[in-house]
Amino acid sequence: MDYFQHPRNQEKLVDADAIGDVGNPVCSSLIKVYIKVKDNILEQVTFEAFGSPATIASAGKLTELAQGQTLEQGLAITNQDIADSLGGVPEEKMTCAVLSADALHAAIKQYQDKFVK
């Protein structure tokens, strides 16, 4: 509940290098993850989200897990990593953690497509 009531890094990053935008119409959740990269490191990771408390908590926790990691380490973050670091997520809300990881991966892939040769 703390991550829902006090979301971490919940803001639009205007000068983002890439944005991962994913949603799930079944659970009505949308997440945008913004990344700023320097020397292959996720220097800043923020998010905007619409959805359940689990969606917002998962996205906030994701930003903390990803920030300071290499792009490769960011791609290795899984929905289970997010759920575990929150102390567990109810099975019916696991899609929220999946969306968070998917949004980060989409942002990293967009960055790699644009800047990595």
C-alpha atoms as a PDB file:
ATOM      1  CA  MET A   1       0.000   0.000   0.000  1.00  0.00           C
ATOM      2  CA  ASP A   2       2.907   2.367   0.672  1.00  0.00           C
ATOM      3  CA  TYR A   3       3.942   2.302  -2.995  1.00  0.00           C
ATOM      4  CA  PHE A   4       0.367   3.101  -4.019  1.00  0.00           C
ATOM      5  CA  GLN A   5      -0.151   5.848  -1.453  1.00  0.00           C
ATOM      6  CA  HIS A   6       3.326   7.337  -2.022  1.00  0.00           C
ATOM      7  CA  PRO A   7       4.303   6.500  -5.615  1.00  0.00           C
ATOM      8  CA  ARG A   8       7.985   6.805  -6.383  1.00  0.00           C
ATOM      9  CA  ASN A   9       9.179   8.527  -9.576  1.00  0.00           C
ATOM     10  CA  GLN A  10       5.642   9.132 -10.865  1.00  0.00           C
ATOM     11  CA  GLU A  11       6.124  11.897 -13.401  1.00  0.00           C
ATOM     12  CA  LYS A  12       6.360  12.534 -17.103  1.00  0.00           C
ATOM     13  CA  LEU A  13      10.013  12.845 -18.113  1.00  0.00           C
ATOM     14  CA  VAL A  14       9.844  15.565 -20.756  1.00  0.00           C
ATOM     15  CA  ASP A  15      13.350  14.985 -22.145  1.00  0.00           C
ATOM     16  CA  ALA A  16      13.190  11.178 -22.086  1.00  0.00           C
ATOM     17  CA  ASP A  17      15.420   9.269 -24.480  1.00  0.00           C
ATOM     18  CA  ALA A  18      12.688   6.640 -24.938  1.00  0.00           C
ATOM     19  CA  ILE A  19       9.193   5.768 -23.750  1.00  0.00           C
ATOM     20  CA  GLY A  20       7.619   2.349 -23.234  1.00  0.00           C
ATOM     21  CA  ASP A  21       3.842   2.528 -23.490  1.00  0.00           C
ATOM     22  CA  VAL A  22       1.786  -0.584 -22.705  1.00  0.00           C
ATOM     23  CA  GLY A  23      -1.732  -1.363 -21.639  1.00  0.00           C
ATOM     24  CA  ASN A  24      -4.119  -4.169 -20.880  1.00  0.00           C
ATOM     25  CA  PRO A  25      -7.753  -3.544 -21.810  1.00  0.00           C
ATOM     26  CA  VAL A  26      -8.900  -6.515 -19.713  1.00  0.00           C
ATOM     27  CA  CYS A  27      -7.753  -4.936 -16.443  1.00  0.00           C
ATOM     28  CA  SER A  28      -7.968  -1.322 -17.699  1.00  0.00           C
ATOM     29  CA  SER A  29      -4.341  -0.551 -16.850  1.00  0.00           C
ATOM     30  CA  LEU A  30      -1.999   1.698 -18.796  1.00  0.00           C
ATOM     31  CA  ILE A  31       1.658   2.364 -18.007  1.00  0.00           C
ATOM     32  CA  LYS A  32       4.211   4.655 -19.644  1.00  0.00           C
ATOM     33  CA  VAL A  33       7.822   4.256 -18.576  1.00  0.00           C
ATOM     34  CA  TYR A  34      10.249   7.057 -19.440  1.00  0.00           C
ATOM     35  CA  ILE A  35      13.993   6.464 -19.499  1.00  0.00           C
ATOM     36  CA  LYS A  36      17.042   8.697 -19.665  1.00  0.00           C
ATOM     37  CA  VAL A  37      20.234   6.825 -20.532  1.00  0.00           C
ATOM     38  CA  LYS A  38      23.878   7.816 -20.132  1.00  0.00           C
ATOM     39  CA  ASP A  39      26.787   5.528 -21.002  1.00  0.00           C
ATOM     40  CA  ASN A  40      24.500   2.456 -21.188  1.00  0.00           C
ATOM     41  CA  ILE A  41      23.120   3.159 -17.690  1.00  0.00           C
ATOM     42  CA  LEU A  42      19.462   3.850 -16.902  1.00  0.00           C
ATOM     43  CA  GLU A  43      20.197   7.216 -15.334  1.00  0.00           C
ATOM     44  CA  GLN A  44      16.568   8.184 -14.737  1.00  0.00           C
ATOM     45  CA  VAL A  45      13.416   6.059 -14.871  1.00  0.00           C
ATOM     46  CA  THR A  46       9.951   7.521 -14.281  1.00  0.00           C
ATOM     47  CA  PHE A  47       6.388   6.472 -15.024  1.00  0.00           C
ATOM     48  CA  GLU A  48       2.811   7.531 -15.548  1.00  0.00           C
ATOM     49  CA  ALA A  49       0.086   4.981 -14.846  1.00  0.00           C
ATOM     50  CA  PHE A  50      -3.638   4.555 -14.871  1.00  0.00           C
ATOM     51  CA  GLY A  51      -5.105   1.551 -13.134  1.00  0.00           C
ATOM     52  CA  SER A  52      -5.381  -0.283  -9.876  1.00  0.00           C
ATOM     53  CA  PRO A  53      -3.261   0.334  -6.785  1.00  0.00           C
ATOM     54  CA  ALA A  54      -1.197  -2.712  -7.796  1.00  0.00           C
ATOM     55  CA  THR A  55      -0.477  -1.106 -11.190  1.00  0.00           C
ATOM     56  CA  ILE A  56       0.796   2.093  -9.604  1.00  0.00           C
ATOM     57  CA  ALA A  57       2.770   0.266  -6.903  1.00  0.00           C
ATOM     58  CA  SER A  58       4.372  -2.081  -9.455  1.00  0.00           C
ATOM     59  CA  ALA A  59       5.369   0.756 -11.762  1.00  0.00           C
ATOM     60  CA  GLY A  60       6.878   2.759  -8.892  1.00  0.00           C
ATOM     61  CA  LYS A  61       8.829  -0.233  -7.628  1.00  0.00           C
ATOM     62  CA  LEU A  62      10.047  -0.932 -11.154  1.00  0.00           C
ATOM     63  CA  THR A  63      11.584   2.534 -11.381  1.00  0.00           C
ATOM     64  CA  GLU A  64      13.593   1.886  -8.233  1.00  0.00           C
ATOM     65  CA  LEU A  65      14.751  -1.518  -9.456  1.00  0.00           C
ATOM     66  CA  ALA A  66      15.789  -0.193 -12.876  1.00  0.00           C
ATOM     67  CA  GLN A  67      17.426   3.122 -12.049  1.00  0.00           C
ATOM     68  CA  GLY A  68      21.219   2.852 -12.055  1.00  0.00           C
ATOM     69  CA  GLN A  69      21.212  -0.470 -13.920  1.00  0.00           C
ATOM     70  CA  THR A  70      22.681  -1.141 -17.350  1.00  0.00           C
ATOM     71  CA  LEU A  71      20.315  -1.547 -20.284  1.00  0.00           C
ATOM     72  CA  GLU A  72      20.972  -5.286 -20.212  1.00  0.00           C
ATOM     73  CA  GLN A  73      20.188  -5.492 -16.498  1.00  0.00           C
ATOM     74  CA  GLY A  74      16.989  -3.526 -17.126  1.00  0.00           C
ATOM     75  CA  LEU A  75      15.935  -6.020 -19.781  1.00  0.00           C
ATOM     76  CA  ALA A  76      16.506  -8.807 -17.261  1.00  0.00           C
ATOM     77  CA  ILE A  77      14.018  -7.371 -14.711  1.00  0.00           C
ATOM     78  CA  THR A  78      10.961  -9.625 -14.608  1.00  0.00           C
ATOM     79  CA  ASN A  79       7.435  -9.314 -13.330  1.00  0.00           C
ATOM     80  CA  GLN A  80       8.382 -11.755 -10.578  1.00  0.00           C
ATOM     81  CA  ASP A  81      11.285  -9.489  -9.516  1.00  0.00           C
ATOM     82  CA  ILE A  82       8.825  -6.613  -9.161  1.00  0.00           C
ATOM     83  CA  ALA A  83       6.260  -8.701  -7.270  1.00  0.00           C
ATOM     84  CA  ASP A  84       8.913 -10.156  -4.951  1.00  0.00           C
ATOM     85  CA  SER A  85      10.376  -6.744  -4.162  1.00  0.00           C
ATOM     86  CA  LEU A  86       6.888  -5.525  -3.185  1.00  0.00           C
ATOM     87  CA  GLY A  87       6.551  -8.442  -0.788  1.00  0.00           C
ATOM     88  CA  GLY A  88       4.208 -10.266  -3.140  1.00  0.00           C
ATOM     89  CA  VAL A  89       1.310  -9.359  -5.406  1.00  0.00           C
ATOM     90  CA  PRO A  90      -2.021 -11.187  -5.409  1.00  0.00           C
ATOM     91  CA  GLU A  91      -2.182 -13.631  -8.322  1.00  0.00           C
ATOM     92  CA  GLU A  92      -5.104 -11.771  -9.884  1.00  0.00           C
ATOM     93  CA  LYS A  93      -2.979  -8.582  -9.918  1.00  0.00           C
ATOM     94  CA  MET A  94       0.155 -10.164 -11.400  1.00  0.00           C
ATOM     95  CA  THR A  95      -0.734  -8.617 -14.782  1.00  0.00           C
ATOM     96  CA  CYS A  96       0.132  -5.244 -13.225  1.00  0.00           C
ATOM     97  CA  ALA A  97       3.695  -6.363 -12.562  1.00  0.00           C
ATOM     98  CA  VAL A  98       3.857  -7.869 -16.051  1.00  0.00           C
ATOM     99  CA  LEU A  99       2.810  -4.537 -17.569  1.00  0.00           C
ATOM    100  CA  SER A 100       5.501  -2.676 -15.621  1.00  0.00           C
ATOM    101  CA  ALA A 101       8.264  -4.990 -16.820  1.00  0.00           C
ATOM    102  CA  ASP A 102       6.879  -4.899 -20.376  1.00  0.00           C
ATOM    103  CA  ALA A 103       6.833  -1.090 -20.369  1.00  0.00           C
ATOM    104  CA  LEU A 104      10.465  -0.912 -19.251  1.00  0.00           C
ATOM    105  CA  HIS A 105      11.514  -3.470 -21.850  1.00  0.00           C
ATOM    106  CA  ALA A 106       9.643  -1.546 -24.559  1.00  0.00           C
ATOM    107  CA  ALA A 107      11.389   1.699 -23.573  1.00  0.00           C
ATOM    108  CA  ILE A 108      14.820   0.038 -23.616  1.00  0.00           C
ATOM    109  CA  LYS A 109      14.153  -1.579 -26.994  1.00  0.00           C
ATOM    110  CA  GLN A 110      12.981   1.767 -28.392  1.00  0.00           C
ATOM    111  CA  TYR A 111      16.179   3.372 -27.077  1.00  0.00           C
ATOM    112  CA  GLN A 112      18.339   0.633 -28.581  1.00  0.00           C
ATOM    113  CA  ASP A 113      16.572   0.942 -31.940  1.00  0.00           C
ATOM    114  CA  LYS A 114      17.179   4.705 -31.963  1.00  0.00           C
ATOM    115  CA  PHE A 115      20.680   4.984 -30.534  1.00  0.00           C
ATOM    116  CA  VAL A 116      22.543   1.657 -30.459  1.00  0.00           C
ATOM    117  CA  LYS A 117      24.176   0.665 -33.703  1.00  0.00           C
END
